[in-house]
Amino acid sequence: MADYHKKKKKVCQMCSGKTFDYKDVESLKKYISNDKGKILPKRITGSCAKHQRYIANEIKKARFMALLPFVK
C-alpha cells in the first residue's frame, strides 16, 4: 500500500495546554466557518470531543454577548 494515503493525526490544541475564553474572539474565529458562520466539526479542527464541546459553548457565549456574529 502506498504511503501517500496516510494522514497525519491532528493533535488537540487544548490538550497540549492552550486555553480559550469567550472574550478571546480572535482565537475563536478559527473554529467558525467563513461563509456562513457555522461552528466547524472536530474532524476539521482536530480537537478531542471534550474540548470540542467546550469550544462550542464558548462560541455560543460569545455570540450571546454580541462579540461574535450569529451569521456572516
N, C-alpha and C. Protein backbone atom coordinates (compact mmCIF):
# COMPACT_ATOMS: atom_id res chain seq x y z
N MET A 1 0.84 -1.18 0.00
CA MET A 1 0.00 0.00 0.00
C MET A 1 0.88 1.24 0.00
N ALA A 2 0.47 2.23 -0.72
CA ALA A 2 1.27 3.45 -0.85
C ALA A 2 1.20 4.29 0.41
N ASP A 3 2.27 5.05 0.66
CA ASP A 3 2.34 5.87 1.87
C ASP A 3 1.59 7.19 1.73
N TYR A 4 1.19 7.56 0.53
CA TYR A 4 0.56 8.86 0.36
C TYR A 4 -0.89 8.88 0.87
N HIS A 5 -1.45 7.74 1.26
CA HIS A 5 -2.80 7.71 1.80
C HIS A 5 -2.82 7.94 3.31
N LYS A 6 -1.68 7.88 3.94
CA LYS A 6 -1.63 8.09 5.38
C LYS A 6 -1.76 9.57 5.70
N LYS A 7 -2.64 9.88 6.64
CA LYS A 7 -2.83 11.26 7.06
C LYS A 7 -2.23 11.44 8.44
N LYS A 8 -1.69 12.62 8.67
CA LYS A 8 -1.12 12.93 9.96
C LYS A 8 -2.26 13.19 10.95
N LYS A 9 -2.19 12.55 12.11
CA LYS A 9 -3.23 12.72 13.11
C LYS A 9 -3.12 14.11 13.73
N LYS A 10 -4.25 14.81 13.78
CA LYS A 10 -4.27 16.14 14.36
C LYS A 10 -4.27 16.02 15.88
N VAL A 11 -3.55 16.91 16.54
CA VAL A 11 -3.45 16.90 17.98
C VAL A 11 -4.33 18.01 18.53
N CYS A 12 -5.08 17.71 19.56
CA CYS A 12 -5.95 18.70 20.19
C CYS A 12 -5.09 19.79 20.81
N GLN A 13 -5.36 21.04 20.45
CA GLN A 13 -4.57 22.15 20.96
C GLN A 13 -4.81 22.39 22.45
N MET A 14 -6.01 22.13 22.90
CA MET A 14 -6.33 22.37 24.30
C MET A 14 -5.72 21.30 25.20
N CYS A 15 -5.61 20.08 24.71
CA CYS A 15 -4.96 19.02 25.49
C CYS A 15 -3.47 19.32 25.66
N SER A 16 -2.90 20.05 24.72
CA SER A 16 -1.48 20.38 24.81
C SER A 16 -1.22 21.64 25.60
N GLY A 17 -2.28 22.30 26.12
CA GLY A 17 -2.06 23.40 27.05
C GLY A 17 -2.69 24.73 26.69
N LYS A 18 -3.20 24.91 25.50
CA LYS A 18 -3.80 26.17 25.12
C LYS A 18 -5.21 26.28 25.68
N THR A 19 -5.58 27.45 26.19
CA THR A 19 -6.92 27.64 26.74
C THR A 19 -7.67 28.70 25.95
N PHE A 20 -8.99 28.61 25.96
CA PHE A 20 -9.85 29.56 25.27
C PHE A 20 -10.82 30.18 26.25
N ASP A 21 -11.23 31.39 25.93
CA ASP A 21 -12.25 32.08 26.71
C ASP A 21 -13.19 32.76 25.73
N TYR A 22 -14.41 32.99 26.13
CA TYR A 22 -15.37 33.60 25.20
C TYR A 22 -14.99 35.03 24.86
N LYS A 23 -14.14 35.66 25.66
CA LYS A 23 -13.71 37.03 25.40
C LYS A 23 -12.58 37.10 24.38
N ASP A 24 -11.92 35.98 24.13
CA ASP A 24 -10.82 35.90 23.17
C ASP A 24 -11.39 35.59 21.78
N VAL A 25 -11.91 36.62 21.12
CA VAL A 25 -12.65 36.46 19.87
C VAL A 25 -11.73 36.02 18.74
N GLU A 26 -10.53 36.49 18.69
CA GLU A 26 -9.61 36.15 17.59
C GLU A 26 -9.28 34.66 17.58
N SER A 27 -9.13 34.06 18.73
CA SER A 27 -8.86 32.62 18.78
C SER A 27 -10.09 31.82 18.39
N LEU A 28 -11.26 32.29 18.77
CA LEU A 28 -12.50 31.56 18.47
C LEU A 28 -12.86 31.64 16.99
N LYS A 29 -12.40 32.65 16.29
CA LYS A 29 -12.72 32.80 14.87
C LYS A 29 -12.14 31.67 14.03
N LYS A 30 -11.10 31.00 14.52
CA LYS A 30 -10.51 29.87 13.78
C LYS A 30 -11.44 28.67 13.76
N TYR A 31 -12.38 28.62 14.68
CA TYR A 31 -13.28 27.48 14.79
C TYR A 31 -14.65 27.76 14.19
N ILE A 32 -14.78 28.85 13.42
CA ILE A 32 -16.03 29.21 12.77
C ILE A 32 -15.78 29.28 11.27
N SER A 33 -16.72 28.77 10.47
CA SER A 33 -16.56 28.83 9.02
C SER A 33 -16.71 30.26 8.53
N ASN A 34 -16.04 30.57 7.42
CA ASN A 34 -16.04 31.94 6.91
C ASN A 34 -17.32 32.30 6.18
N ASP A 35 -17.93 31.35 5.50
CA ASP A 35 -19.06 31.71 4.65
C ASP A 35 -20.37 31.86 5.41
N LYS A 36 -20.71 30.95 6.29
CA LYS A 36 -21.99 31.03 6.98
C LYS A 36 -21.89 31.25 8.48
N GLY A 37 -20.70 31.16 9.03
CA GLY A 37 -20.54 31.38 10.47
C GLY A 37 -20.85 30.16 11.32
N LYS A 38 -20.80 28.96 10.73
CA LYS A 38 -21.09 27.75 11.48
C LYS A 38 -19.86 27.31 12.27
N ILE A 39 -20.10 26.59 13.36
CA ILE A 39 -19.01 26.03 14.16
C ILE A 39 -18.45 24.83 13.40
N LEU A 40 -17.14 24.80 13.21
CA LEU A 40 -16.50 23.72 12.47
C LEU A 40 -16.51 22.42 13.27
N PRO A 41 -16.65 21.26 12.62
CA PRO A 41 -16.66 19.99 13.35
C PRO A 41 -15.26 19.60 13.81
N LYS A 42 -15.24 18.65 14.74
CA LYS A 42 -13.96 18.26 15.33
C LYS A 42 -13.05 17.53 14.35
N ARG A 43 -13.60 16.93 13.30
CA ARG A 43 -12.74 16.27 12.32
C ARG A 43 -11.93 17.28 11.53
N ILE A 44 -12.39 18.53 11.46
CA ILE A 44 -11.66 19.59 10.77
C ILE A 44 -10.76 20.34 11.75
N THR A 45 -11.25 20.63 12.94
CA THR A 45 -10.46 21.41 13.90
C THR A 45 -9.37 20.57 14.56
N GLY A 46 -9.60 19.25 14.68
CA GLY A 46 -8.59 18.39 15.28
C GLY A 46 -8.66 18.32 16.79
N SER A 47 -9.68 18.89 17.39
CA SER A 47 -9.80 18.84 18.84
C SER A 47 -10.51 17.56 19.27
N CYS A 48 -10.30 17.18 20.52
CA CYS A 48 -10.96 15.98 21.03
C CYS A 48 -12.42 16.33 21.35
N ALA A 49 -13.24 15.32 21.63
CA ALA A 49 -14.68 15.52 21.82
C ALA A 49 -14.96 16.42 23.02
N LYS A 50 -14.23 16.23 24.09
CA LYS A 50 -14.44 17.02 25.30
C LYS A 50 -14.17 18.50 25.03
N HIS A 51 -13.08 18.79 24.37
CA HIS A 51 -12.72 20.19 24.12
C HIS A 51 -13.52 20.79 22.98
N GLN A 52 -14.02 19.96 22.05
CA GLN A 52 -14.89 20.48 21.00
C GLN A 52 -16.19 21.00 21.61
N ARG A 53 -16.73 20.29 22.59
CA ARG A 53 -17.93 20.77 23.29
C ARG A 53 -17.63 22.06 24.04
N TYR A 54 -16.46 22.15 24.65
CA TYR A 54 -16.07 23.36 25.37
C TYR A 54 -15.95 24.55 24.42
N ILE A 55 -15.32 24.34 23.28
CA ILE A 55 -15.16 25.40 22.28
C ILE A 55 -16.52 25.86 21.77
N ALA A 56 -17.42 24.90 21.50
CA ALA A 56 -18.76 25.24 21.02
C ALA A 56 -19.51 26.09 22.05
N ASN A 57 -19.38 25.74 23.32
CA ASN A 57 -20.04 26.53 24.37
C ASN A 57 -19.46 27.93 24.47
N GLU A 58 -18.15 28.06 24.32
CA GLU A 58 -17.52 29.38 24.38
C GLU A 58 -17.94 30.24 23.19
N ILE A 59 -18.08 29.63 22.02
CA ILE A 59 -18.55 30.36 20.84
C ILE A 59 -19.98 30.83 21.06
N LYS A 60 -20.81 29.96 21.63
CA LYS A 60 -22.20 30.33 21.89
C LYS A 60 -22.29 31.46 22.91
N LYS A 61 -21.42 31.44 23.92
CA LYS A 61 -21.39 32.55 24.89
C LYS A 61 -21.00 33.85 24.21
N ALA A 62 -19.99 33.79 23.35
CA ALA A 62 -19.51 34.99 22.66
C ALA A 62 -20.58 35.53 21.72
N ARG A 63 -21.33 34.65 21.09
CA ARG A 63 -22.42 35.09 20.22
C ARG A 63 -23.52 35.77 21.03
N PHE A 64 -23.86 35.19 22.19
CA PHE A 64 -24.91 35.76 23.02
C PHE A 64 -24.52 37.12 23.57
N MET A 65 -23.22 37.31 23.85
CA MET A 65 -22.73 38.59 24.36
C MET A 65 -22.42 39.58 23.23
N ALA A 66 -22.73 39.21 21.99
CA ALA A 66 -22.56 40.04 20.79
C ALA A 66 -21.09 40.33 20.48
N LEU A 67 -20.20 39.42 20.87
CA LEU A 67 -18.79 39.55 20.49
C LEU A 67 -18.51 38.89 19.15
N LEU A 68 -19.32 37.89 18.80
CA LEU A 68 -19.25 37.21 17.52
C LEU A 68 -20.63 37.28 16.87
N PRO A 69 -20.69 37.38 15.54
CA PRO A 69 -22.00 37.39 14.88
C PRO A 69 -22.56 35.96 14.77
N PHE A 70 -23.89 35.86 14.73
CA PHE A 70 -24.52 34.57 14.53
C PHE A 70 -24.36 34.11 13.08
N VAL A 71 -24.48 35.02 12.13
CA VAL A 71 -24.28 34.71 10.71
C VAL A 71 -23.37 35.78 10.12
N LYS A 72 -22.70 35.42 9.02
CA LYS A 72 -21.80 36.38 8.38
C LYS A 72 -22.55 37.19 7.36
